[in-house]
Amino acid sequence: MELTLNSSSSLIKRKDTKSSRNQDNSSNMSFAMMKPPTYQFQAKNSVKEMKFTHEKTFTPEGETTERWEKLHVLSYPHPKSDASVPVFVMLPLDTVTMSGHLNKPRAMNASLMALKGAGVEGVMVDAWWGLVEKDGPMKYNWEGYAELIQMVQKHGLKLQVVMSFHQCGGNVGDSCSIPLPPWVLEEISKNPDLVYTDKSGRRNPEYISLGCDSVPVLRGRTPIQVYSDFMRSFRERFDSCIGGVIAEIQVGMGPCGELRYPSYPESNGTWSFPGIGEFQCYDKYMRSSLQAYAESIGKTNWGTSGPHDAGEYKNLPEDTEFFRRDGTWNSEYGKFFMEWYSEKLLEHGDRLLASAKGIFQGTGAKLSGKVAGIHWHYNTRSHAAELTAGYYNTRNHDGYLPIAKMFNKHGVVLNFTCMEMKDGEQPEHANCSPEGLVKQVQNATRQAGTELAGENALERYDSSAFGQVVATNRSDSGNGLTAFTYLRMNKRLFEGQNWQQLVEFVKNMKEGGHGKKLSEEDTTGSDLYVGFVRGKKITEKVEEASLV
């Protein structure tokens, strides 16, 4: 059976509807069904490799200094990097409306049909806490998600569902606003210390502070209990689907669903790239924990506040005493603070994943969690932007191995972002190395025995970005990917050239990166036709698939 699609408009109603360019919206595509991918693993021999890293420092006078250091990286056995990798596609953030219904079901149906024809394994959707439990504590409305699950199942696709306990809005790519549940916001208004706070007293309503994880601050329940009840309700409502059409549950553990602190918020211009961000440890619960930790090691005066010399959101490392090359980060105090700050984040992830494991164990669904790809200032000694986010990763300390081990403890897949980025694409003054960061995470997950999945951090439709993901998966420097989720389904994805790039990418990933580039006409007998069928261009518009 073949399916024909004409689509160009977005499922997402963006706040800024300005189009970056005018394009022909009459592209037509035809798809033939393809076999679903499978998971295969094969261990490789351990090897020890040597690499050199460099750090560039920009002085106020505009001069540049450059230092090189030799690092040794130990490689461990990992899944075979040329195995078939299933590709999922993220659905729009507002797939379910604020009223709890499936958004634009007719367009969604046509889009899922197209994705199935392209060989995509499935789709990912956010199950928003702010939508499902907005009517009151333990009053859950799953009906919009039930509609979606039924539609996904009808098309023979799989579903990754994100337990999204964070706010939507105020970060990169957020195209709509979905706050935390109103009754939670009411509690926050009574007790502002429930949310993360920076040294200036600025409150961030994206996510409940992990400092009060075990305190009954939400109408008699702790935040961990609230998250657990939410996940338990999901399991009870969709028990017959979990392990079937619902193939994966991703557990949100922080802003943007990532296990991190909200150290670089974009809302209201608070932060901008490549700023170092700020530590988020100034609500009363975090300060109380810091004080107790300091007293436990006999350093009471270290527990009065966070670092006083760590600068502001938009600073560069060398602007600060804490993050500069030989700064406070590498002192006894700096190590004390970072051990506490990063350990609090690990404990938060451990609590949430332990709860999720208890709820979903035996269902047959995979469990996953997301870690942010903070690649700016990676080529400096302090890795400032990673530190403020809670990843204690410096030139002298591996911040990702403890995270990978914690994920492995619960049998959870580590989903990592920025898989599409290349070092050469980044601005020089930001000292970025997304490629180096990804390799480090690949090695950490391989050493820990943790499965690794990937996402792209930004919307990309070009062959360079897709090719980088394929190359990363095939790299011998660390874990290959068990799955990849593409961000995101919107009108631009279905435009002719963008769509062709996607289907070529899906085919390449299914073939372990060995697929050949599809020609425009593709009359050689392949399973997929893009733009042409039997050499003739299709021009008839299909209203059912229009994403207007």
Protein backbone atom coordinates (compact mmCIF):
# COMPACT_ATOMS: atom_id res chain seq x y z
CA MET A 1 0.00 0.00 0.00
CA GLU A 2 1.32 3.46 -0.86
CA LEU A 3 0.39 6.73 0.82
CA THR A 4 0.55 10.19 -0.69
CA LEU A 5 1.14 13.33 1.35
CA ASN A 6 1.07 17.04 0.70
CA SER A 7 1.94 19.03 3.78
CA SER A 8 3.63 22.27 4.64
CA SER A 9 1.99 24.06 7.54
CA SER A 10 2.69 23.60 11.21
CA LEU A 11 0.87 21.70 13.91
CA ILE A 12 2.30 24.20 16.38
CA LYS A 13 0.78 27.66 16.65
CA ARG A 14 3.91 29.65 17.33
CA LYS A 15 4.01 32.96 19.16
CA ASP A 16 6.17 34.29 16.31
CA THR A 17 4.52 33.25 13.07
CA LYS A 18 6.97 35.07 10.85
CA SER A 19 8.34 32.74 8.23
CA SER A 20 12.05 32.89 7.65
CA ARG A 21 11.54 32.40 3.93
CA ASN A 22 8.87 31.73 1.37
CA GLN A 23 8.83 28.24 -0.04
CA ASP A 24 6.80 26.26 -2.49
CA ASN A 25 4.17 24.52 -0.38
CA SER A 26 3.03 22.07 -3.00
CA SER A 27 5.60 19.34 -2.46
CA ASN A 28 4.13 15.84 -2.64
CA MET A 29 5.54 12.67 -1.20
CA SER A 30 4.73 9.00 -1.60
CA PHE A 31 5.71 6.30 0.84
CA ALA A 32 5.88 2.52 0.88
CA MET A 33 5.88 0.50 4.11
CA MET A 34 9.25 -0.57 5.49
CA LYS A 35 10.19 -3.22 8.04
CA PRO A 36 10.58 -1.92 11.59
CA PRO A 37 14.16 -1.81 12.89
CA THR A 38 15.50 -4.19 15.51
CA TYR A 39 17.96 -3.85 18.37
CA GLN A 40 21.31 -5.61 17.98
CA PHE A 41 24.40 -5.43 20.15
CA GLN A 42 27.93 -6.73 19.82
CA ALA A 43 30.86 -6.02 22.13
CA LYS A 44 34.11 -4.66 20.82
CA ASN A 45 37.59 -5.08 22.25
CA SER A 46 38.84 -2.51 24.73
CA VAL A 47 41.33 -0.03 23.39
CA LYS A 48 43.21 2.82 24.96
CA GLU A 49 43.35 6.00 22.94
CA MET A 50 45.22 9.27 23.46
CA LYS A 51 43.77 12.66 22.64
CA PHE A 52 44.81 16.28 23.00
CA THR A 53 42.49 19.05 24.12
CA HIS A 54 43.09 22.74 23.94
CA GLU A 55 41.77 25.78 25.71
CA LYS A 56 41.54 29.23 24.20
CA THR A 57 41.33 32.26 26.47
CA PHE A 58 40.19 35.65 25.24
CA THR A 59 41.54 38.63 27.17
CA PRO A 60 39.78 42.01 27.57
CA GLU A 61 42.43 43.47 25.25
CA GLY A 62 41.35 41.09 22.49
CA GLU A 63 44.41 38.86 22.68
CA THR A 64 44.10 35.09 22.47
CA THR A 65 46.14 32.57 24.41
CA GLU A 66 45.99 28.87 23.63
CA ARG A 67 47.05 25.92 25.79
CA TRP A 68 47.16 22.22 24.91
CA GLU A 69 46.96 19.30 27.31
CA LYS A 70 47.31 15.58 26.75
CA LEU A 71 44.46 13.40 28.01
CA HIS A 72 44.14 9.62 28.13
CA VAL A 73 40.74 8.13 27.46
CA LEU A 74 40.05 4.47 28.15
CA SER A 75 37.58 2.80 25.82
CA TYR A 76 35.40 -0.11 26.91
CA PRO A 77 33.34 -2.80 25.15
CA HIS A 78 30.13 -1.35 23.75
CA PRO A 79 27.19 -2.22 21.50
CA LYS A 80 28.20 -2.61 17.90
CA SER A 81 28.06 0.83 16.32
CA ASP A 82 26.82 -0.35 12.93
CA ALA A 83 23.69 -2.03 14.33
CA SER A 84 20.23 -0.91 13.25
CA VAL A 85 19.02 2.15 15.20
CA PRO A 86 15.28 2.95 15.38
CA VAL A 87 14.35 6.59 14.78
CA PHE A 88 11.50 8.33 16.60
CA VAL A 89 10.13 11.82 15.92
CA MET A 90 9.05 14.27 18.63
CA LEU A 91 5.49 15.51 18.29
CA PRO A 92 4.61 19.21 18.78
CA LEU A 93 4.67 20.49 22.35
CA ASP A 94 0.95 21.28 22.17
CA THR A 95 -0.13 17.89 20.82
CA VAL A 96 -2.69 17.85 23.63
CA THR A 97 -4.55 21.13 24.21
CA MET A 98 -5.05 22.95 27.51
CA SER A 99 -8.62 21.62 27.50
CA GLY A 100 -7.25 18.06 27.43
CA HIS A 101 -8.09 17.09 23.84
CA LEU A 102 -5.93 15.92 20.95
CA ASN A 103 -4.92 18.96 18.92
CA LYS A 104 -5.88 18.88 15.21
CA PRO A 105 -6.54 15.13 15.03
CA ARG A 106 -7.07 15.08 11.27
CA ALA A 107 -3.67 16.63 10.58
CA MET A 108 -2.07 14.39 13.21
CA ASN A 109 -3.52 11.31 11.52
CA ALA A 110 -2.04 12.29 8.15
CA SER A 111 1.32 13.10 9.71
CA LEU A 112 1.55 9.76 11.50
CA MET A 113 0.67 8.04 8.24
CA ALA A 114 3.55 9.83 6.53
CA LEU A 115 6.02 8.99 9.31
CA LYS A 116 5.06 5.34 9.19
CA GLY A 117 5.62 5.30 5.45
CA ALA A 118 9.04 6.83 5.92
CA GLY A 119 10.13 3.93 8.11
CA VAL A 120 10.09 5.86 11.38
CA GLU A 121 9.77 3.57 14.41
CA GLY A 122 7.48 5.84 16.39
CA VAL A 123 6.87 9.23 17.96
CA MET A 124 7.53 10.96 21.29
CA VAL A 125 5.02 13.05 23.24
CA ASP A 126 5.17 15.07 26.48
CA ALA A 127 2.61 14.09 29.11
CA TRP A 128 2.45 17.49 30.81
CA TRP A 129 1.90 17.61 34.55
CA GLY A 130 0.39 21.05 34.03
CA LEU A 131 -2.27 19.61 31.71
CA VAL A 132 -3.07 16.24 33.23
CA GLU A 133 -3.32 17.25 36.90
CA LYS A 134 -4.40 20.86 36.47
CA ASP A 135 -7.87 20.46 37.99
CA GLY A 136 -6.59 19.57 41.44
CA PRO A 137 -4.41 17.11 43.38
CA MET A 138 -4.80 13.57 42.01
CA LYS A 139 -7.47 14.66 39.52
CA TYR A 140 -6.00 13.31 36.31
CA ASN A 141 -7.28 13.81 32.76
CA TRP A 142 -5.61 11.44 30.28
CA GLU A 143 -8.27 11.59 27.54
CA GLY A 144 -6.25 13.56 24.97
CA TYR A 145 -3.39 11.08 25.36
CA ALA A 146 -5.81 8.15 25.01
CA GLU A 147 -6.88 9.59 21.63
CA LEU A 148 -3.26 9.88 20.55
CA ILE A 149 -2.30 6.39 21.69
CA GLN A 150 -5.19 4.90 19.75
CA MET A 151 -4.15 6.79 16.61
CA VAL A 152 -0.48 5.84 16.97
CA GLN A 153 -1.45 2.20 17.41
CA LYS A 154 -3.67 2.32 14.34
CA HIS A 155 -0.70 3.30 12.21
CA GLY A 156 1.54 0.59 13.61
CA LEU A 157 3.91 3.04 15.31
CA LYS A 158 5.46 3.02 18.79
CA LEU A 159 5.22 5.77 21.39
CA GLN A 160 7.75 7.29 23.76
CA VAL A 161 5.93 9.15 26.55
CA VAL A 162 7.75 11.77 28.62
CA MET A 163 6.59 12.29 32.19
CA SER A 164 7.01 16.07 31.95
CA PHE A 165 7.03 17.57 35.43
CA HIS A 166 8.44 20.88 34.20
CA GLN A 167 6.97 24.03 32.74
CA CYS A 168 6.85 24.47 28.97
CA GLY A 169 7.91 27.98 27.96
CA GLY A 170 11.01 30.10 28.40
CA ASN A 171 13.64 27.77 26.90
CA VAL A 172 15.15 27.01 23.51
CA GLY A 173 12.48 25.70 21.13
CA ASP A 174 9.51 26.30 23.45
CA SER A 175 6.69 27.39 21.13
CA CYS A 176 3.82 27.41 23.61
CA SER A 177 3.23 27.97 27.32
CA ILE A 178 2.17 25.20 29.70
CA PRO A 179 2.81 26.19 33.34
CA LEU A 180 2.86 23.85 36.34
CA PRO A 181 -0.62 22.90 37.65
CA PRO A 182 -2.56 25.90 39.08
CA TRP A 183 -2.82 24.33 42.52
CA VAL A 184 0.98 23.88 42.56
CA LEU A 185 1.48 27.52 41.54
CA GLU A 186 -0.81 28.48 44.40
CA GLU A 187 1.45 26.64 46.85
CA ILE A 188 4.49 28.32 45.30
CA SER A 189 2.89 31.75 45.80
CA LYS A 190 2.52 30.92 49.49
CA ASN A 191 6.03 29.50 49.77
CA PRO A 192 8.34 30.85 47.01
CA ASP A 193 11.20 28.69 48.29
CA LEU A 194 9.55 25.72 46.57
CA VAL A 195 11.28 26.70 43.34
CA TYR A 196 14.93 27.16 42.40
CA THR A 197 16.47 30.47 43.39
CA ASP A 198 19.69 32.19 42.35
CA LYS A 199 21.99 34.37 44.47
CA SER A 200 20.05 37.53 43.55
CA GLY A 201 16.82 35.98 44.86
CA ARG A 202 15.37 35.45 41.37
CA ARG A 203 12.83 32.60 41.48
CA ASN A 204 12.45 30.14 38.60
CA PRO A 205 8.98 28.52 38.27
CA GLU A 206 10.07 25.90 35.69
CA TYR A 207 10.43 23.04 38.16
CA ILE A 208 10.09 22.34 41.88
CA SER A 209 13.41 22.64 43.73
CA LEU A 210 14.98 19.26 44.45
CA GLY A 211 15.81 20.65 47.89
CA CYS A 212 12.28 19.85 49.03
CA ASP A 213 12.03 16.40 47.36
CA SER A 214 11.20 14.69 50.66
CA VAL A 215 9.27 17.50 52.37
CA PRO A 216 5.41 17.32 52.28
CA VAL A 217 5.04 20.79 50.75
CA LEU A 218 2.38 20.01 48.12
CA ARG A 219 -0.79 19.74 50.17
CA GLY A 220 0.49 16.94 52.35
CA ARG A 221 2.54 15.13 49.72
CA THR A 222 6.22 15.42 48.89
CA PRO A 223 7.18 16.29 45.30
CA ILE A 224 8.52 12.76 44.81
CA GLN A 225 5.19 11.36 46.01
CA VAL A 226 3.33 13.68 43.62
CA TYR A 227 5.48 12.57 40.68
CA SER A 228 5.05 8.93 41.69
CA ASP A 229 1.26 9.24 41.95
CA PHE A 230 1.23 10.83 38.48
CA MET A 231 3.24 7.97 36.98
CA ARG A 232 1.13 5.39 38.81
CA SER A 233 -2.04 6.96 37.41
CA PHE A 234 -0.54 6.77 33.91
CA ARG A 235 0.26 3.10 34.37
CA GLU A 236 -3.24 2.31 35.65
CA ARG A 237 -4.92 4.21 32.81
CA PHE A 238 -2.81 2.67 30.03
CA ASP A 239 -1.73 -0.65 31.55
CA SER A 240 -2.79 -2.66 28.50
CA CYS A 241 -0.71 -0.43 26.18
CA ILE A 242 2.53 -0.13 28.15
CA GLY A 243 5.09 -2.50 26.72
CA GLY A 244 3.12 -2.62 23.47
CA VAL A 245 2.35 0.58 21.59
CA ILE A 246 3.90 2.52 24.51
CA ALA A 247 7.47 1.31 24.10
CA GLU A 248 9.26 3.77 26.38
CA ILE A 249 8.62 5.95 29.42
CA GLN A 250 11.03 8.86 29.79
CA VAL A 251 11.13 10.28 33.31
CA GLY A 252 11.44 14.06 33.50
CA MET A 253 13.88 15.10 36.22
CA GLY A 254 14.30 18.85 35.79
CA PRO A 255 13.86 21.83 33.46
CA CYS A 256 13.24 20.75 29.85
CA GLY A 257 12.79 17.25 31.28
CA GLU A 258 16.57 17.03 31.81
CA LEU A 259 18.45 15.99 34.94
CA ARG A 260 20.00 19.40 35.68
CA TYR A 261 19.50 22.68 37.49
CA PRO A 262 17.86 25.59 35.57
CA SER A 263 21.17 27.45 35.39
CA TYR A 264 20.69 29.05 31.97
CA PRO A 265 17.07 30.32 31.70
CA GLU A 266 16.37 32.26 28.51
CA SER A 267 13.12 33.90 29.68
CA ASN A 268 13.23 37.68 30.01
CA GLY A 269 16.77 37.74 28.69
CA THR A 270 18.19 36.36 31.95
CA TRP A 271 20.82 34.28 30.15
CA SER A 272 22.22 34.24 26.64
CA PHE A 273 24.69 31.93 24.90
CA PRO A 274 27.51 31.34 25.73
CA GLY A 275 27.06 32.59 29.28
CA ILE A 276 28.26 30.43 32.17
CA GLY A 277 24.92 30.54 34.00
CA GLU A 278 24.48 30.69 37.76
CA PHE A 279 24.27 28.20 40.62
CA GLN A 280 20.71 27.50 41.78
CA CYS A 281 21.14 26.78 45.47
CA TYR A 282 19.56 29.71 47.30
CA ASP A 283 16.07 28.53 48.26
CA LYS A 284 15.81 27.75 51.95
CA TYR A 285 15.74 23.98 51.44
CA MET A 286 18.97 23.94 49.41
CA ARG A 287 20.68 26.34 51.81
CA SER A 288 19.68 24.20 54.77
CA SER A 289 21.16 21.13 53.03
CA LEU A 290 24.39 22.99 52.22
CA GLN A 291 24.74 24.13 55.82
CA ALA A 292 24.21 20.61 57.15
CA TYR A 293 26.79 19.20 54.72
CA ALA A 294 29.36 21.82 55.72
CA GLU A 295 28.84 21.12 59.41
CA SER A 296 29.20 17.38 58.82
CA ILE A 297 32.78 17.88 57.61
CA GLY A 298 33.68 20.53 60.16
CA LYS A 299 33.58 23.49 57.74
CA THR A 300 30.59 25.39 59.13
CA ASN A 301 31.54 28.70 57.51
CA TRP A 302 31.42 27.09 54.04
CA GLY A 303 27.71 26.38 54.42
CA THR A 304 26.44 29.95 54.69
CA SER A 305 25.91 30.39 50.91
CA GLY A 306 27.10 29.36 47.47
CA PRO A 307 30.30 30.71 45.87
CA HIS A 308 30.52 34.51 46.08
CA ASP A 309 32.91 34.82 43.12
CA ALA A 310 31.05 32.79 40.45
CA GLY A 311 29.91 35.76 38.37
CA GLU A 312 26.58 36.23 36.60
CA TYR A 313 24.53 34.42 33.93
CA LYS A 314 26.09 36.09 30.87
CA ASN A 315 29.72 36.13 32.05
CA LEU A 316 32.50 34.12 30.44
CA PRO A 317 34.71 31.92 32.68
CA GLU A 318 37.65 34.31 32.68
CA ASP A 319 35.38 37.11 33.94
CA THR A 320 35.13 35.33 37.29
CA GLU A 321 37.46 34.28 40.09
CA PHE A 322 35.65 30.98 40.52
CA PHE A 323 35.71 29.70 36.91
CA ARG A 324 38.92 31.20 35.50
CA ARG A 325 41.69 28.80 34.51
CA ASP A 326 43.23 28.50 38.00
CA GLY A 327 40.13 29.62 39.85
CA THR A 328 38.33 28.70 43.05
CA TRP A 329 36.66 25.72 41.36
CA ASN A 330 39.94 23.81 41.81
CA SER A 331 40.41 24.79 45.47
CA GLU A 332 39.42 22.73 48.51
CA TYR A 333 36.32 24.89 48.89
CA GLY A 334 35.43 24.57 45.21
CA LYS A 335 35.64 20.80 45.38
CA PHE A 336 33.54 20.77 48.55
CA PHE A 337 30.81 22.87 46.96
CA MET A 338 30.72 20.99 43.65
CA GLU A 339 30.60 17.61 45.39
CA TRP A 340 27.56 18.74 47.38
CA TYR A 341 25.83 20.48 44.45
CA SER A 342 26.30 17.61 41.99
CA GLU A 343 25.49 14.93 44.58
CA LYS A 344 22.14 16.61 45.34
CA LEU A 345 21.29 16.34 41.64
CA LEU A 346 22.32 12.68 41.53
CA GLU A 347 20.18 11.93 44.60
CA HIS A 348 17.19 13.60 42.95
CA GLY A 349 17.60 11.47 39.83
CA ASP A 350 18.10 8.36 41.94
CA ARG A 351 14.86 8.95 43.86
CA LEU A 352 12.79 9.57 40.76
CA LEU A 353 14.20 6.67 38.75
CA ALA A 354 13.82 4.29 41.70
CA SER A 355 10.16 5.29 41.92
CA ALA A 356 9.63 4.91 38.17
CA LYS A 357 11.32 1.52 38.18
CA GLY A 358 9.00 0.32 40.94
CA ILE A 359 5.93 1.54 39.05
CA PHE A 360 6.77 0.35 35.53
CA GLN A 361 8.83 -2.77 36.28
CA GLY A 362 7.42 -5.81 34.52
CA THR A 363 5.48 -3.81 31.91
CA GLY A 364 7.94 -4.46 29.11
CA ALA A 365 8.49 -0.74 28.45
CA LYS A 366 11.95 0.79 28.47
CA LEU A 367 12.71 3.49 31.02
CA SER A 368 14.85 6.45 30.04
CA GLY A 369 16.04 9.80 31.37
CA LYS A 370 17.59 12.82 29.66
CA VAL A 371 20.90 14.56 30.28
CA ALA A 372 21.63 17.96 28.73
CA GLY A 373 24.38 18.49 26.16
CA ILE A 374 26.06 21.58 27.62
CA HIS A 375 28.91 21.94 25.16
CA TRP A 376 29.97 25.57 25.59
CA HIS A 377 33.19 26.17 27.54
CA TYR A 378 33.87 22.42 27.31
CA ASN A 379 37.39 23.21 26.08
CA THR A 380 38.24 25.15 29.23
CA ARG A 381 39.60 23.63 32.42
CA SER A 382 36.61 24.45 34.63
CA HIS A 383 33.74 23.60 32.23
CA ALA A 384 31.82 26.45 33.88
CA ALA A 385 28.44 26.01 32.16
CA GLU A 386 28.37 22.32 33.08
CA LEU A 387 29.20 23.08 36.71
CA THR A 388 26.36 25.57 37.21
CA ALA A 389 23.96 23.01 35.69
CA GLY A 390 25.08 20.42 38.26
CA TYR A 391 27.46 18.32 36.19
CA TYR A 392 30.76 18.16 38.12
CA ASN A 393 32.78 17.76 34.96
CA THR A 394 36.17 19.48 34.81
CA ARG A 395 39.56 18.80 33.29
CA ASN A 396 40.31 16.77 36.44
CA HIS A 397 36.92 15.22 37.28
CA ASP A 398 34.54 13.07 35.19
CA GLY A 399 31.02 14.32 35.79
CA TYR A 400 29.17 11.88 33.53
CA LEU A 401 30.38 8.51 34.77
CA PRO A 402 28.52 8.86 38.13
CA ILE A 403 25.35 9.81 36.23
CA ALA A 404 25.73 6.86 33.85
CA LYS A 405 26.28 4.49 36.79
CA MET A 406 23.17 5.82 38.54
CA PHE A 407 21.12 5.26 35.38
CA ASN A 408 22.52 1.75 35.03
CA LYS A 409 21.62 0.96 38.64
CA HIS A 410 17.96 1.28 37.66
CA GLY A 411 18.28 -0.19 34.16
CA VAL A 412 17.48 3.18 32.60
CA VAL A 413 18.56 4.36 29.12
CA LEU A 414 20.57 7.61 29.16
CA ASN A 415 19.24 9.95 26.49
CA PHE A 416 21.76 12.62 25.48
CA THR A 417 21.33 15.72 23.35
CA CYS A 418 23.49 17.69 20.85
CA MET A 419 24.24 14.60 18.77
CA GLU A 420 23.95 16.63 15.56
CA MET A 421 26.51 19.32 16.40
CA LYS A 422 30.05 19.70 15.08
CA ASP A 423 32.87 21.59 16.78
CA GLY A 424 33.62 23.60 13.65
CA GLU A 425 30.12 25.08 13.57
CA GLN A 426 30.50 26.77 16.96
CA PRO A 427 31.78 30.31 17.69
CA GLU A 428 35.45 30.34 18.66
CA HIS A 429 35.07 32.49 21.78
CA ALA A 430 32.62 29.98 23.32
CA ASN A 431 35.27 27.21 23.56
CA CYS A 432 32.66 24.66 22.50
CA SER A 433 33.20 20.98 21.81
CA PRO A 434 29.93 19.12 21.32
CA GLU A 435 31.87 16.31 19.64
CA GLY A 436 34.23 15.96 22.58
CA LEU A 437 31.32 16.04 25.02
CA VAL A 438 29.39 13.36 23.13
CA LYS A 439 32.48 11.13 23.02
CA GLN A 440 32.94 11.52 26.77
CA VAL A 441 29.31 10.52 27.40
CA GLN A 442 29.66 7.59 25.00
CA ASN A 443 32.66 6.37 26.97
CA ALA A 444 30.95 6.94 30.32
CA THR A 445 27.88 4.94 29.35
CA ARG A 446 30.00 2.16 27.90
CA GLN A 447 32.10 1.94 31.06
CA ALA A 448 28.96 1.93 33.23
CA GLY A 449 27.16 -0.61 31.03
CA THR A 450 24.35 1.87 30.38
CA GLU A 451 22.37 2.04 27.15
CA LEU A 452 22.72 5.33 25.27
CA ALA A 453 20.09 7.03 23.12
CA GLY A 454 20.30 10.41 21.40
CA GLU A 455 18.49 13.55 20.31
CA ASN A 456 19.37 16.64 18.31
CA ALA A 457 19.48 19.77 20.47
CA LEU A 458 18.25 22.23 17.84
CA GLU A 459 15.96 21.94 14.83
CA ARG A 460 18.12 20.88 11.88
CA TYR A 461 17.11 19.62 8.44
CA ASP A 462 20.45 19.53 6.64
CA SER A 463 22.52 16.55 5.57
CA SER A 464 25.48 17.74 7.67
CA ALA A 465 23.50 17.42 10.91
CA PHE A 466 22.02 14.06 9.99
CA GLY A 467 25.43 12.85 8.85
CA GLN A 468 26.96 13.82 12.18
CA VAL A 469 24.43 11.67 14.05
CA VAL A 470 25.21 8.71 11.80
CA ALA A 471 28.95 9.24 12.29
CA THR A 472 28.53 9.51 16.07
CA ASN A 473 26.65 6.24 16.15
CA ARG A 474 29.32 4.47 14.10
CA SER A 475 32.23 5.91 16.09
CA ASP A 476 34.51 3.41 17.81
CA SER A 477 35.18 5.81 20.70
CA GLY A 478 32.17 4.78 22.81
CA ASN A 479 28.66 3.41 22.96
CA GLY A 480 26.60 3.17 19.80
CA LEU A 481 23.00 4.39 20.05
CA THR A 482 20.05 2.16 20.91
CA ALA A 483 17.58 4.74 19.55
CA PHE A 484 17.47 8.29 18.21
CA THR A 485 14.63 10.80 18.62
CA TYR A 486 14.44 13.62 16.09
CA LEU A 487 13.37 17.10 17.20
CA ARG A 488 10.71 17.93 15.97
CA MET A 489 7.63 17.38 13.77
CA ASN A 490 6.47 20.71 12.31
CA LYS A 491 5.63 22.25 8.96
CA ARG A 492 9.26 22.62 7.85
CA LEU A 493 9.93 18.91 8.31
CA PHE A 494 7.42 18.04 5.58
CA GLU A 495 8.85 20.43 3.01
CA GLY A 496 10.34 18.57 0.05
CA GLN A 497 14.11 18.73 0.61
CA ASN A 498 13.85 18.56 4.40
CA TRP A 499 11.61 15.52 4.19
CA GLN A 500 13.97 13.78 1.78
CA GLN A 501 16.87 14.39 4.18
CA LEU A 502 14.87 12.82 7.00
CA VAL A 503 13.92 9.68 5.10
CA GLU A 504 17.51 9.20 3.95
CA PHE A 505 18.61 9.57 7.57
CA VAL A 506 16.04 7.01 8.79
CA LYS A 507 17.21 4.58 6.14
CA ASN A 508 20.87 5.14 7.05
CA MET A 509 20.24 4.57 10.75
CA LYS A 510 18.31 1.37 10.04
CA GLU A 511 21.23 0.14 7.98
CA GLY A 512 23.79 1.06 10.63
CA GLY A 513 24.98 4.07 8.66
CA HIS A 514 25.72 2.10 5.51
CA GLY A 515 22.73 3.29 3.47
CA LYS A 516 23.23 4.97 0.12
CA LYS A 517 21.97 8.44 -0.68
CA LEU A 518 18.53 8.30 -2.31
CA SER A 519 18.20 9.83 -5.72
CA GLU A 520 15.33 12.21 -6.44
CA GLU A 521 13.58 9.81 -8.76
CA ASP A 522 14.70 6.57 -7.10
CA THR A 523 13.55 4.17 -9.81
CA THR A 524 15.96 1.43 -8.79
CA GLY A 525 13.53 -0.55 -6.70
CA SER A 526 13.99 0.91 -3.23
CA ASP A 527 11.10 0.84 -0.77
CA LEU A 528 10.72 4.60 -0.53
CA TYR A 529 9.85 7.25 -3.11
CA VAL A 530 10.21 10.95 -2.38
CA GLY A 531 8.73 13.60 -4.69
CA PHE A 532 8.54 11.31 -7.73
CA VAL A 533 6.66 8.11 -8.52
CA ARG A 534 7.61 6.20 -11.71
CA GLY A 535 9.45 9.32 -12.87
CA LYS A 536 6.39 11.62 -12.76
CA LYS A 537 6.07 14.44 -10.24
CA ILE A 538 2.85 14.35 -8.23
CA THR A 539 1.05 17.70 -7.99
CA GLU A 540 -2.35 16.85 -6.57
CA LYS A 541 -2.89 18.36 -3.12
CA VAL A 542 -4.20 16.02 -0.42
CA GLU A 543 -6.35 18.06 1.95
CA GLU A 544 -6.39 15.44 4.72
CA ALA A 545 -2.66 15.74 5.21
CA SER A 546 -2.50 19.52 5.22
CA LEU A 547 -0.98 20.74 8.46
CA VAL A 548 -2.74 24.11 8.47
